Amino acid sequence: MLVVEDDVDIRGLIADILRLEGYSVDAVENGREALEHLRAGPPPRVILLDLMMPEMNGWEFRTAQAQDPALAEIPVVILTGGGNAAAAAQGLGVDAFLRKPVDLDELLEMVKRYC
C-alpha cells in the first residue's frame, strides 16, 4: 500500500500502525513522489491519498493517475480534513474517503477491504 501525505507525523503514524498490523507500506510526501514511486515498482493494493499537499496535490495526482493506464486501476482512498469529503471523493472518482483526524478502526477496516 502507498500512503501519500505531506504531514510527516501523520504519514509516519499511519504507516507505522499499518506495518504493525502486518501490511507492507511505502510512504511519500506528495503526489509527484507518489507518481515516481508507482512508476518505479509494482503497484500497491491501495493508495491512501491526502488532498492538500505541496508540489503536486491530491487532485493533480488523481488526474495524472487516471491518465496513466498502468496506474489508473489502483484503488484510491482520500484522506481529508475538508468538510465535504463525500463530494470530493465523488468528484475525484475515488473508491472511498476517510476524514481527518483518521479514526484508526475505520482506517484498518478500509485497508482490510482492499488488502
PDB file of N, CA and C in Angstrom:
ATOM      1  N   MET A   1       0.837  -1.157   0.000  1.00  0.00           N
ATOM      2  CA  MET A   1       0.000   0.000   0.000  1.00  0.00           C
ATOM      3  C   MET A   1       0.886   1.225   0.000  1.00  0.00           C
ATOM      4  N   LEU A   2       0.352   2.331  -0.494  1.00  0.00           N
ATOM      5  CA  LEU A   2       1.112   3.571  -0.556  1.00  0.00           C
ATOM      6  C   LEU A   2       0.360   4.661   0.190  1.00  0.00           C
ATOM      7  N   VAL A   3       1.042   5.295   1.149  1.00  0.00           N
ATOM      8  CA  VAL A   3       0.487   6.433   1.882  1.00  0.00           C
ATOM      9  C   VAL A   3       1.108   7.691   1.291  1.00  0.00           C
ATOM     10  N   VAL A   4       0.248   8.614   0.843  1.00  0.00           N
ATOM     11  CA  VAL A   4       0.704   9.877   0.259  1.00  0.00           C
ATOM     12  C   VAL A   4       0.171  10.992   1.153  1.00  0.00           C
ATOM     13  N   GLU A   5       1.070  11.552   1.964  1.00  0.00           N
ATOM     14  CA  GLU A   5       0.678  12.533   2.997  1.00  0.00           C
ATOM     15  C   GLU A   5       1.862  13.443   3.271  1.00  0.00           C
ATOM     16  N   ASP A   6       1.637  14.758   3.230  1.00  0.00           N
ATOM     17  CA  ASP A   6       2.744  15.693   3.431  1.00  0.00           C
ATOM     18  C   ASP A   6       3.103  15.904   4.893  1.00  0.00           C
ATOM     19  N   ASP A   7       2.191  15.687   5.802  1.00  0.00           N
ATOM     20  CA  ASP A   7       2.481  15.868   7.222  1.00  0.00           C
ATOM     21  C   ASP A   7       3.286  14.668   7.713  1.00  0.00           C
ATOM     22  N   VAL A   8       4.537  14.912   8.081  1.00  0.00           N
ATOM     23  CA  VAL A   8       5.449  13.829   8.450  1.00  0.00           C
ATOM     24  C   VAL A   8       4.929  13.013   9.627  1.00  0.00           C
ATOM     25  N   ASP A   9       4.281  13.647  10.594  1.00  0.00           N
ATOM     26  CA  ASP A   9       3.776  12.922  11.761  1.00  0.00           C
ATOM     27  C   ASP A   9       2.604  12.019  11.383  1.00  0.00           C
ATOM     28  N   ILE A  10       1.667  12.547  10.606  1.00  0.00           N
ATOM     29  CA  ILE A  10       0.510  11.741  10.179  1.00  0.00           C
ATOM     30  C   ILE A  10       0.970  10.597   9.286  1.00  0.00           C
ATOM     31  N   ARG A  11       1.838  10.914   8.326  1.00  0.00           N
ATOM     32  CA  ARG A  11       2.360   9.898   7.410  1.00  0.00           C
ATOM     33  C   ARG A  11       3.049   8.773   8.187  1.00  0.00           C
ATOM     34  N   GLY A  12       3.904   9.142   9.122  1.00  0.00           N
ATOM     35  CA  GLY A  12       4.621   8.153   9.909  1.00  0.00           C
ATOM     36  C   GLY A  12       3.702   7.321  10.781  1.00  0.00           C
ATOM     37  N   LEU A  13       2.741   7.970  11.409  1.00  0.00           N
ATOM     38  CA  LEU A  13       1.809   7.269  12.283  1.00  0.00           C
ATOM     39  C   LEU A  13       0.970   6.258  11.508  1.00  0.00           C
ATOM     40  N   ILE A  14       0.411   6.685  10.388  1.00  0.00           N
ATOM     41  CA  ILE A  14      -0.405   5.772   9.582  1.00  0.00           C
ATOM     42  C   ILE A  14       0.442   4.597   9.090  1.00  0.00           C
ATOM     43  N   ALA A  15       1.616   4.889   8.564  1.00  0.00           N
ATOM     44  CA  ALA A  15       2.487   3.823   8.060  1.00  0.00           C
ATOM     45  C   ALA A  15       2.874   2.859   9.182  1.00  0.00           C
ATOM     46  N   ASP A  16       3.238   3.389  10.343  1.00  0.00           N
ATOM     47  CA  ASP A  16       3.648   2.532  11.465  1.00  0.00           C
ATOM     48  C   ASP A  16       2.500   1.636  11.933  1.00  0.00           C
ATOM     49  N   ILE A  17       1.318   2.201  12.056  1.00  0.00           N
ATOM     50  CA  ILE A  17       0.168   1.409  12.505  1.00  0.00           C
ATOM     51  C   ILE A  17      -0.131   0.291  11.516  1.00  0.00           C
ATOM     52  N   LEU A  18      -0.102   0.617  10.227  1.00  0.00           N
ATOM     53  CA  LEU A  18      -0.398  -0.394   9.217  1.00  0.00           C
ATOM     54  C   LEU A  18       0.687  -1.476   9.179  1.00  0.00           C
ATOM     55  N   ARG A  19       1.922  -1.085   9.364  1.00  0.00           N
ATOM     56  CA  ARG A  19       3.007  -2.077   9.419  1.00  0.00           C
ATOM     57  C   ARG A  19       2.830  -3.000  10.626  1.00  0.00           C
ATOM     58  N   LEU A  20       2.452  -2.429  11.763  1.00  0.00           N
ATOM     59  CA  LEU A  20       2.213  -3.242  12.962  1.00  0.00           C
ATOM     60  C   LEU A  20       1.080  -4.242  12.742  1.00  0.00           C
ATOM     61  N   GLU A  21       0.156  -3.889  11.859  1.00  0.00           N
ATOM     62  CA  GLU A  21      -0.956  -4.786  11.521  1.00  0.00           C
ATOM     63  C   GLU A  21      -0.559  -5.812  10.465  1.00  0.00           C
ATOM     64  N   GLY A  22       0.701  -5.728  10.001  1.00  0.00           N
ATOM     65  CA  GLY A  22       1.203  -6.729   9.068  1.00  0.00           C
ATOM     66  C   GLY A  22       1.186  -6.341   7.601  1.00  0.00           C
ATOM     67  N   TYR A  23       0.841  -5.104   7.312  1.00  0.00           N
ATOM     68  CA  TYR A  23       0.791  -4.656   5.920  1.00  0.00           C
ATOM     69  C   TYR A  23       2.154  -4.146   5.457  1.00  0.00           C
ATOM     70  N   SER A  24       2.405  -4.320   4.177  1.00  0.00           N
ATOM     71  CA  SER A  24       3.583  -3.736   3.546  1.00  0.00           C
ATOM     72  C   SER A  24       3.202  -2.318   3.133  1.00  0.00           C
ATOM     73  N   VAL A  25       3.956  -1.336   3.633  1.00  0.00           N
ATOM     74  CA  VAL A  25       3.587   0.063   3.431  1.00  0.00           C
ATOM     75  C   VAL A  25       4.784   0.862   2.944  1.00  0.00           C
ATOM     76  N   ASP A  26       4.557   1.655   1.906  1.00  0.00           N
ATOM     77  CA  ASP A  26       5.503   2.669   1.480  1.00  0.00           C
ATOM     78  C   ASP A  26       4.825   4.008   1.721  1.00  0.00           C
ATOM     79  N   ALA A  27       5.620   5.046   1.968  1.00  0.00           N
ATOM     80  CA  ALA A  27       5.047   6.358   2.267  1.00  0.00           C
ATOM     81  C   ALA A  27       5.865   7.441   1.585  1.00  0.00           C
ATOM     82  N   VAL A  28       5.152   8.399   0.980  1.00  0.00           N
ATOM     83  CA  VAL A  28       5.782   9.541   0.315  1.00  0.00           C
ATOM     84  C   VAL A  28       5.048  10.808   0.720  1.00  0.00           C
ATOM     85  N   GLU A  29       5.665  11.978   0.434  1.00  0.00           N
ATOM     86  CA  GLU A  29       5.092  13.211   0.961  1.00  0.00           C
ATOM     87  C   GLU A  29       4.283  14.055  -0.008  1.00  0.00           C
ATOM     88  N   ASN A  30       4.225  13.687  -1.297  1.00  0.00           N
ATOM     89  CA  ASN A  30       3.383  14.475  -2.216  1.00  0.00           C
ATOM     90  C   ASN A  30       3.063  13.653  -3.456  1.00  0.00           C
ATOM     91  N   GLY A  31       2.201  14.201  -4.292  1.00  0.00           N
ATOM     92  CA  GLY A  31       1.758  13.493  -5.485  1.00  0.00           C
ATOM     93  C   GLY A  31       2.863  13.216  -6.482  1.00  0.00           C
ATOM     94  N   ARG A  32       3.796  14.125  -6.626  1.00  0.00           N
ATOM     95  CA  ARG A  32       4.911  13.915  -7.553  1.00  0.00           C
ATOM     96  C   ARG A  32       5.719  12.700  -7.135  1.00  0.00           C
ATOM     97  N   GLU A  33       6.052  12.625  -5.847  1.00  0.00           N
ATOM     98  CA  GLU A  33       6.803  11.476  -5.340  1.00  0.00           C
ATOM     99  C   GLU A  33       5.993  10.186  -5.482  1.00  0.00           C
ATOM    100  N   ALA A  34       4.687  10.290  -5.298  1.00  0.00           N
ATOM    101  CA  ALA A  34       3.834   9.112  -5.434  1.00  0.00           C
ATOM    102  C   ALA A  34       3.883   8.574  -6.864  1.00  0.00           C
ATOM    103  N   LEU A  35       3.782   9.452  -7.853  1.00  0.00           N
ATOM    104  CA  LEU A  35       3.847   9.010  -9.247  1.00  0.00           C
ATOM    105  C   LEU A  35       5.195   8.363  -9.554  1.00  0.00           C
ATOM    106  N   GLU A  36       6.272   8.974  -9.094  1.00  0.00           N
ATOM    107  CA  GLU A  36       7.606   8.403  -9.312  1.00  0.00           C
ATOM    108  C   GLU A  36       7.706   7.020  -8.681  1.00  0.00           C
ATOM    109  N   HIS A  37       7.214   6.903  -7.469  1.00  0.00           N
ATOM    110  CA  HIS A  37       7.250   5.624  -6.758  1.00  0.00           C
ATOM    111  C   HIS A  37       6.424   4.573  -7.501  1.00  0.00           C
ATOM    112  N   LEU A  38       5.230   4.928  -7.929  1.00  0.00           N
ATOM    113  CA  LEU A  38       4.346   3.984  -8.604  1.00  0.00           C
ATOM    114  C   LEU A  38       4.925   3.523  -9.932  1.00  0.00           C
ATOM    115  N   ARG A  39       5.560   4.419 -10.637  1.00  0.00           N
ATOM    116  CA  ARG A  39       6.119   4.069 -11.948  1.00  0.00           C
ATOM    117  C   ARG A  39       7.395   3.246 -11.837  1.00  0.00           C
ATOM    118  N   ALA A  40       8.014   3.218 -10.666  1.00  0.00           N
ATOM    119  CA  ALA A  40       9.287   2.515 -10.467  1.00  0.00           C
ATOM    120  C   ALA A  40       9.124   1.088  -9.949  1.00  0.00           C
ATOM    121  N   GLY A  41       7.947   0.742  -9.492  1.00  0.00           N
ATOM    122  CA  GLY A  41       7.813  -0.574  -8.875  1.00  0.00           C
ATOM    123  C   GLY A  41       6.453  -1.194  -9.111  1.00  0.00           C
ATOM    124  N   PRO A  42       6.207  -2.323  -8.458  1.00  0.00           N
ATOM    125  CA  PRO A  42       4.902  -2.978  -8.602  1.00  0.00           C
ATOM    126  C   PRO A  42       3.800  -2.134  -7.966  1.00  0.00           C
ATOM    127  N   PRO A  43       2.591  -2.225  -8.495  1.00  0.00           N
ATOM    128  CA  PRO A  43       1.501  -1.402  -7.962  1.00  0.00           C
ATOM    129  C   PRO A  43       1.072  -1.860  -6.569  1.00  0.00           C
ATOM    130  N   PRO A  44       0.716  -0.909  -5.722  1.00  0.00           N
ATOM    131  CA  PRO A  44       0.189  -1.274  -4.395  1.00  0.00           C
ATOM    132  C   PRO A  44      -1.258  -1.730  -4.514  1.00  0.00           C
ATOM    133  N   ARG A  45      -1.758  -2.324  -3.464  1.00  0.00           N
ATOM    134  CA  ARG A  45      -3.165  -2.753  -3.450  1.00  0.00           C
ATOM    135  C   ARG A  45      -4.111  -1.568  -3.311  1.00  0.00           C
ATOM    136  N   VAL A  46      -3.641  -0.506  -2.634  1.00  0.00           N
ATOM    137  CA  VAL A  46      -4.464   0.679  -2.416  1.00  0.00           C
ATOM    138  C   VAL A  46      -3.548   1.873  -2.154  1.00  0.00           C
ATOM    139  N   ILE A  47      -4.037   3.054  -2.500  1.00  0.00           N
ATOM    140  CA  ILE A  47      -3.333   4.305  -2.225  1.00  0.00           C
ATOM    141  C   ILE A  47      -4.174   5.101  -1.232  1.00  0.00           C
ATOM    142  N   LEU A  48      -3.558   5.521  -0.127  1.00  0.00           N
ATOM    143  CA  LEU A  48      -4.193   6.431   0.826  1.00  0.00           C
ATOM    144  C   LEU A  48      -3.650   7.810   0.490  1.00  0.00           C
ATOM    145  N   LEU A  49      -4.522   8.704   0.041  1.00  0.00           N
ATOM    146  CA  LEU A  49      -4.110   9.967  -0.569  1.00  0.00           C
ATOM    147  C   LEU A  49      -4.642  11.189   0.160  1.00  0.00           C
ATOM    148  N   ASP A  50      -3.727  12.002   0.667  1.00  0.00           N
ATOM    149  CA  ASP A  50      -4.079  13.320   1.204  1.00  0.00           C
ATOM    150  C   ASP A  50      -4.411  14.218   0.015  1.00  0.00           C
ATOM    151  N   LEU A  51      -5.252  15.207   0.215  1.00  0.00           N
ATOM    152  CA  LEU A  51      -5.595  16.125  -0.878  1.00  0.00           C
ATOM    153  C   LEU A  51      -4.752  17.387  -0.876  1.00  0.00           C
ATOM    154  N   MET A  52      -4.495  17.937   0.297  1.00  0.00           N
ATOM    155  CA  MET A  52      -3.774  19.209   0.398  1.00  0.00           C
ATOM    156  C   MET A  52      -2.294  18.951   0.639  1.00  0.00           C
ATOM    157  N   MET A  53      -1.492  19.056  -0.436  1.00  0.00           N
ATOM    158  CA  MET A  53      -0.051  18.810  -0.351  1.00  0.00           C
ATOM    159  C   MET A  53       0.677  19.799  -1.250  1.00  0.00           C
ATOM    160  N   PRO A  54       1.940  20.085  -0.933  1.00  0.00           N
ATOM    161  CA  PRO A  54       2.737  20.950  -1.809  1.00  0.00           C
ATOM    162  C   PRO A  54       3.215  20.176  -3.043  1.00  0.00           C
ATOM    163  N   GLU A  55       3.749  20.874  -3.990  1.00  0.00           N
ATOM    164  CA  GLU A  55       4.323  20.350  -5.236  1.00  0.00           C
ATOM    165  C   GLU A  55       3.281  19.747  -6.154  1.00  0.00           C
ATOM    166  N   MET A  56       2.619  18.691  -5.744  1.00  0.00           N
ATOM    167  CA  MET A  56       1.515  18.107  -6.507  1.00  0.00           C
ATOM    168  C   MET A  56       0.475  17.635  -5.507  1.00  0.00           C
ATOM    169  N   ASN A  57      -0.693  18.304  -5.518  1.00  0.00           N
ATOM    170  CA  ASN A  57      -1.728  17.960  -4.548  1.00  0.00           C
ATOM    171  C   ASN A  57      -2.499  16.707  -4.984  1.00  0.00           C
ATOM    172  N   GLY A  58      -3.452  16.316  -4.172  1.00  0.00           N
ATOM    173  CA  GLY A  58      -4.218  15.109  -4.439  1.00  0.00           C
ATOM    174  C   GLY A  58      -5.028  15.168  -5.714  1.00  0.00           C
ATOM    175  N   TRP A  59      -5.599  16.306  -6.032  1.00  0.00           N
ATOM    176  CA  TRP A  59      -6.372  16.457  -7.268  1.00  0.00           C
ATOM    177  C   TRP A  59      -5.469  16.292  -8.495  1.00  0.00           C
ATOM    178  N   GLU A  60      -4.315  16.924  -8.452  1.00  0.00           N
ATOM    179  CA  GLU A  60      -3.362  16.817  -9.568  1.00  0.00           C
ATOM    180  C   GLU A  60      -2.846  15.385  -9.712  1.00  0.00           C
ATOM    181  N   PHE A  61      -2.576  14.746  -8.582  1.00  0.00           N
ATOM    182  CA  PHE A  61      -2.143  13.353  -8.620  1.00  0.00           C
ATOM    183  C   PHE A  61      -3.203  12.482  -9.267  1.00  0.00           C
ATOM    184  N   ARG A  62      -4.454  12.629  -8.838  1.00  0.00           N
ATOM    185  CA  ARG A  62      -5.537  11.793  -9.366  1.00  0.00           C
ATOM    186  C   ARG A  62      -5.695  11.979 -10.870  1.00  0.00           C
ATOM    187  N   THR A  63      -5.549  13.204 -11.346  1.00  0.00           N
ATOM    188  CA  THR A  63      -5.640  13.452 -12.787  1.00  0.00           C
ATOM    189  C   THR A  63      -4.549  12.678 -13.518  1.00  0.00           C
ATOM    190  N   ALA A  64      -3.319  12.781 -13.017  1.00  0.00           N
ATOM    191  CA  ALA A  64      -2.199  12.074 -13.643  1.00  0.00           C
ATOM    192  C   ALA A  64      -2.370  10.566 -13.532  1.00  0.00           C
ATOM    193  N   GLN A  65      -2.817  10.094 -12.395  1.00  0.00           N
ATOM    194  CA  GLN A  65      -3.004   8.654 -12.194  1.00  0.00           C
ATOM    195  C   GLN A  65      -4.057   8.117 -13.170  1.00  0.00           C
ATOM    196  N   ALA A  66      -5.166   8.807 -13.292  1.00  0.00           N
ATOM    197  CA  ALA A  66      -6.254   8.356 -14.153  1.00  0.00           C
ATOM    198  C   ALA A  66      -5.845   8.335 -15.627  1.00  0.00           C
ATOM    199  N   GLN A  67      -4.904   9.175 -16.003  1.00  0.00           N
ATOM    200  CA  GLN A  67      -4.462   9.242 -17.398  1.00  0.00           C
ATOM    201  C   GLN A  67      -3.384   8.210 -17.724  1.00  0.00           C
ATOM    202  N   ASP A  68      -2.849   7.529 -16.726  1.00  0.00           N
ATOM    203  CA  ASP A  68      -1.804   6.540 -16.938  1.00  0.00           C
ATOM    204  C   ASP A  68      -2.421   5.144 -16.854  1.00  0.00           C
ATOM    205  N   PRO A  69      -2.520   4.443 -17.983  1.00  0.00           N
ATOM    206  CA  PRO A  69      -3.183   3.128 -17.977  1.00  0.00           C
ATOM    207  C   PRO A  69      -2.571   2.134 -16.987  1.00  0.00           C
ATOM    208  N   ALA A  70      -1.283   2.252 -16.711  1.00  0.00           N
ATOM    209  CA  ALA A  70      -0.635   1.331 -15.772  1.00  0.00           C
ATOM    210  C   ALA A  70      -1.021   1.610 -14.321  1.00  0.00           C
ATOM    211  N   LEU A  71      -1.525   2.811 -14.048  1.00  0.00           N
ATOM    212  CA  LEU A  71      -1.835   3.213 -12.672  1.00  0.00           C
ATOM    213  C   LEU A  71      -3.323   3.436 -12.423  1.00  0.00           C
ATOM    214  N   ALA A  72      -4.088   3.590 -13.470  1.00  0.00           N
ATOM    215  CA  ALA A  72      -5.480   4.035 -13.354  1.00  0.00           C
ATOM    216  C   ALA A  72      -6.365   3.109 -12.525  1.00  0.00           C
ATOM    217  N   GLU A  73      -6.068   1.827 -12.497  1.00  0.00           N
ATOM    218  CA  GLU A  73      -6.939   0.868 -11.806  1.00  0.00           C
ATOM    219  C   GLU A  73      -6.615   0.681 -10.327  1.00  0.00           C
ATOM    220  N   ILE A  74      -5.564   1.329  -9.832  1.00  0.00           N
ATOM    221  CA  ILE A  74      -5.210   1.186  -8.421  1.00  0.00           C
ATOM    222  C   ILE A  74      -6.252   1.927  -7.584  1.00  0.00           C
ATOM    223  N   PRO A  75      -6.902   1.263  -6.635  1.00  0.00           N
ATOM    224  CA  PRO A  75      -7.901   1.929  -5.804  1.00  0.00           C
ATOM    225  C   PRO A  75      -7.270   3.045  -4.967  1.00  0.00           C
ATOM    226  N   VAL A  76      -8.039   4.120  -4.781  1.00  0.00           N
ATOM    227  CA  VAL A  76      -7.585   5.271  -4.009  1.00  0.00           C
ATOM    228  C   VAL A  76      -8.607   5.583  -2.920  1.00  0.00           C
ATOM    229  N   VAL A  77      -8.099   5.813  -1.723  1.00  0.00           N
ATOM    230  CA  VAL A  77      -8.905   6.288  -0.596  1.00  0.00           C
ATOM    231  C   VAL A  77      -8.340   7.648  -0.222  1.00  0.00           C
ATOM    232  N   ILE A  78      -9.167   8.691  -0.285  1.00  0.00           N
ATOM    233  CA  ILE A  78      -8.649  10.005   0.077  1.00  0.00           C
ATOM    234  C   ILE A  78      -8.738  10.213   1.584  1.00  0.00           C
ATOM    235  N   LEU A  79      -7.755  10.973   2.080  1.00  0.00           N
ATOM    236  CA  LEU A  79      -7.701  11.390   3.474  1.00  0.00           C
ATOM    237  C   LEU A  79      -7.887  12.898   3.458  1.00  0.00           C
ATOM    238  N   THR A  80      -8.920  13.383   4.110  1.00  0.00           N
ATOM    239  CA  THR A  80      -9.168  14.818   4.054  1.00  0.00           C
ATOM    240  C   THR A  80      -9.748  15.348   5.349  1.00  0.00           C
ATOM    241  N   GLY A  81      -9.360  16.546   5.651  1.00  0.00           N
ATOM    242  CA  GLY A  81      -9.933  17.248   6.783  1.00  0.00           C
ATOM    243  C   GLY A  81     -11.046  18.180   6.328  1.00  0.00           C
ATOM    244  N   GLY A  82     -11.271  18.223   5.023  1.00  0.00           N
ATOM    245  CA  GLY A  82     -12.290  19.100   4.449  1.00  0.00           C
ATOM    246  C   GLY A  82     -13.688  18.666   4.842  1.00  0.00           C
ATOM    247  N   GLY A  83     -14.595  19.626   4.842  1.00  0.00           N
ATOM    248  CA  GLY A  83     -15.956  19.379   5.283  1.00  0.00           C
ATOM    249  C   GLY A  83     -16.787  18.513   4.368  1.00  0.00           C
ATOM    250  N   ASN A  84     -16.544  18.571   3.059  1.00  0.00           N
ATOM    251  CA  ASN A  84     -17.387  17.824   2.132  1.00  0.00           C
ATOM    252  C   ASN A  84     -16.586  16.703   1.479  1.00  0.00           C
ATOM    253  N   ALA A  85     -16.152  15.758   2.283  1.00  0.00           N
ATOM    254  CA  ALA A  85     -15.302  14.670   1.816  1.00  0.00           C
ATOM    255  C   ALA A  85     -16.005  13.785   0.792  1.00  0.00           C
ATOM    256  N   ALA A  86     -17.301  13.535   0.990  1.00  0.00           N
ATOM    257  CA  ALA A  86     -18.035  12.675   0.056  1.00  0.00           C
ATOM    258  C   ALA A  86     -18.066  13.289  -1.333  1.00  0.00           C
ATOM    259  N   ALA A  87     -18.303  14.593  -1.416  1.00  0.00           N
ATOM    260  CA  ALA A  87     -18.322  15.264  -2.718  1.00  0.00           C
ATOM    261  C   ALA A  87     -16.939  15.270  -3.352  1.00  0.00           C
ATOM    262  N   ALA A  88     -15.907  15.473  -2.540  1.00  0.00           N
ATOM    263  CA  ALA A  88     -14.539  15.449  -3.058  1.00  0.00           C
ATOM    264  C   ALA A  88     -14.210  14.069  -3.608  1.00  0.00           C
ATOM    265  N   ALA A  89     -14.584  13.030  -2.883  1.00  0.00           N
ATOM    266  CA  ALA A  89     -14.321  11.660  -3.336  1.00  0.00           C
ATOM    267  C   ALA A  89     -15.033  11.376  -4.646  1.00  0.00           C
ATOM    268  N   GLN A  90     -16.290  11.775  -4.724  1.00  0.00           N
ATOM    269  CA  GLN A  90     -17.060  11.544  -5.943  1.00  0.00           C
ATOM    270  C   GLN A  90     -16.467  12.332  -7.109  1.00  0.00           C
ATOM    271  N   GLY A  91     -16.095  13.583  -6.867  1.00  0.00           N
ATOM    272  CA  GLY A  91     -15.519  14.422  -7.912  1.00  0.00           C
ATOM    273  C   GLY A  91     -14.198  13.896  -8.433  1.00  0.00           C
ATOM    274  N   LEU A  92     -13.455  13.213  -7.576  1.00  0.00           N
ATOM    275  CA  LEU A  92     -12.164  12.655  -7.973  1.00  0.00           C
ATOM    276  C   LEU A  92     -12.289  11.239  -8.527  1.00  0.00           C
ATOM    277  N   GLY A  93     -13.470  10.670  -8.424  1.00  0.00           N
ATOM    278  CA  GLY A  93     -13.662   9.311  -8.902  1.00  0.00           C
ATOM    279  C   GLY A  93     -12.892   8.288  -8.096  1.00  0.00           C
ATOM    280  N   VAL A  94     -12.759   8.526  -6.802  1.00  0.00           N
ATOM    281  CA  VAL A  94     -12.023   7.588  -5.951  1.00  0.00           C
ATOM    282  C   VAL A  94     -12.988   6.619  -5.287  1.00  0.00           C
ATOM    283  N   ASP A  95     -12.412   5.578  -4.732  1.00  0.00           N
ATOM    284  CA  ASP A  95     -13.202   4.495  -4.186  1.00  0.00           C
ATOM    285  C   ASP A  95     -13.833   4.802  -2.837  1.00  0.00           C
ATOM    286  N   ALA A  96     -13.146   5.606  -2.022  1.00  0.00           N
ATOM    287  CA  ALA A  96     -13.658   5.891  -0.684  1.00  0.00           C
ATOM    288  C   ALA A  96     -12.893   7.065  -0.078  1.00  0.00           C
ATOM    289  N   PHE A  97     -13.304   7.451   1.129  1.00  0.00           N
ATOM    290  CA  PHE A  97     -12.617   8.537   1.822  1.00  0.00           C
ATOM    291  C   PHE A  97     -12.632   8.283   3.313  1.00  0.00           C
ATOM    292  N   LEU A  98     -11.663   8.897   3.976  1.00  0.00           N
ATOM    293  CA  LEU A  98     -11.605   8.927   5.436  1.00  0.00           C
ATOM    294  C   LEU A  98     -11.395  10.375   5.846  1.00  0.00           C
ATOM    295  N   ARG A  99     -12.082  10.796   6.879  1.00  0.00           N
ATOM    296  CA  ARG A  99     -11.915  12.152   7.389  1.00  0.00           C
ATOM    297  C   ARG A  99     -10.781  12.202   8.399  1.00  0.00           C
ATOM    298  N   LYS A 100     -10.053  13.307   8.357  1.00  0.00           N
ATOM    299  CA  LYS A 100      -9.024  13.566   9.369  1.00  0.00           C
ATOM    300  C   LYS A 100      -9.670  14.317  10.520  1.00  0.00           C
ATOM    301  N   PRO A 101      -9.285  14.084  11.736  1.00  0.00           N
ATOM    302  CA  PRO A 101      -8.324  13.064  12.134  1.00  0.00           C
ATOM    303  C   PRO A 101      -8.895  11.669  11.879  1.00  0.00           C
ATOM    304  N   VAL A 102      -8.051  10.798  11.367  1.00  0.00           N
ATOM    305  CA  VAL A 102      -8.468   9.462  10.963  1.00  0.00           C
ATOM    306  C   VAL A 102      -8.738   8.598  12.180  1.00  0.00           C
ATOM    307  N   ASP A 103      -9.906   7.981  12.184  1.00  0.00           N
ATOM    308  CA  ASP A 103     -10.254   7.006  13.209  1.00  0.00           C
ATOM    309  C   ASP A 103      -9.528   5.701  12.865  1.00  0.00           C
ATOM    310  N   LEU A 104      -8.736   5.177  13.791  1.00  0.00           N
ATOM    311  CA  LEU A 104      -7.904   4.008  13.496  1.00  0.00           C
ATOM    312  C   LEU A 104      -8.719   2.770  13.132  1.00  0.00           C
ATOM    313  N   ASP A 105      -9.845   2.577  13.779  1.00  0.00           N
ATOM    314  CA  ASP A 105     -10.684   1.426  13.430  1.00  0.00           C
ATOM    315  C   ASP A 105     -11.216   1.553  12.010  1.00  0.00           C
ATOM    316  N   GLU A 106     -11.642   2.753  11.625  1.00  0.00           N
ATOM    317  CA  GLU A 106     -12.114   2.982  10.259  1.00  0.00           C
ATOM    318  C   GLU A 106     -10.988   2.781   9.252  1.00  0.00           C
ATOM    319  N   LEU A 107      -9.791   3.274   9.583  1.00  0.00           N
ATOM    320  CA  LEU A 107      -8.639   3.102   8.707  1.00  0.00           C
ATOM    321  C   LEU A 107      -8.361   1.614   8.483  1.00  0.00           C
ATOM    322  N   LEU A 108      -8.295   0.862   9.554  1.00  0.00           N
ATOM    323  CA  LEU A 108      -7.996  -0.577   9.427  1.00  0.00           C
ATOM    324  C   LEU A 108      -9.085  -1.317   8.656  1.00  0.00           C
ATOM    325  N   GLU A 109     -10.327  -0.952   8.881  1.00  0.00           N
ATOM    326  CA  GLU A 109     -11.430  -1.573   8.144  1.00  0.00           C
ATOM    327  C   GLU A 109     -11.347  -1.240   6.658  1.00  0.00           C
ATOM    328  N   MET A 110     -11.031   0.005   6.336  1.00  0.00           N
ATOM    329  CA  MET A 110     -10.908   0.424   4.945  1.00  0.00           C
ATOM    330  C   MET A 110      -9.764  -0.316   4.256  1.00  0.00           C
ATOM    331  N   VAL A 111      -8.628  -0.389   4.906  1.00  0.00           N
ATOM    332  CA  VAL A 111      -7.479  -1.074   4.326  1.00  0.00           C
ATOM    333  C   VAL A 111      -7.762  -2.559   4.144  1.00  0.00           C
ATOM    334  N   LYS A 112      -8.418  -3.149   5.116  1.00  0.00           N
ATOM    335  CA  LYS A 112      -8.775  -4.569   5.038  1.00  0.00           C
ATOM    336  C   LYS A 112      -9.638  -4.839   3.811  1.00  0.00           C
ATOM    337  N   ARG A 113     -10.489  -3.914   3.476  1.00  0.00           N
ATOM    338  CA  ARG A 113     -11.372  -4.043   2.328  1.00  0.00           C
ATOM    339  C   ARG A 113     -10.594  -4.224   1.016  1.00  0.00           C
ATOM    340  N   TYR A 114      -9.439  -3.544   0.927  1.00  0.00           N
ATOM    341  CA  TYR A 114      -8.663  -3.576  -0.313  1.00  0.00           C
ATOM    342  C   TYR A 114      -7.491  -4.543  -0.281  1.00  0.00           C
ATOM    343  N   CYS A 115      -7.094  -4.950   0.894  1.00  0.00           N
ATOM    344  CA  CYS A 115      -5.944  -5.853   1.012  1.00  0.00           C
ATOM    345  C   CYS A 115      -6.398  -7.189   1.500  1.00  0.00           C
TER     346      CYS A 115
END
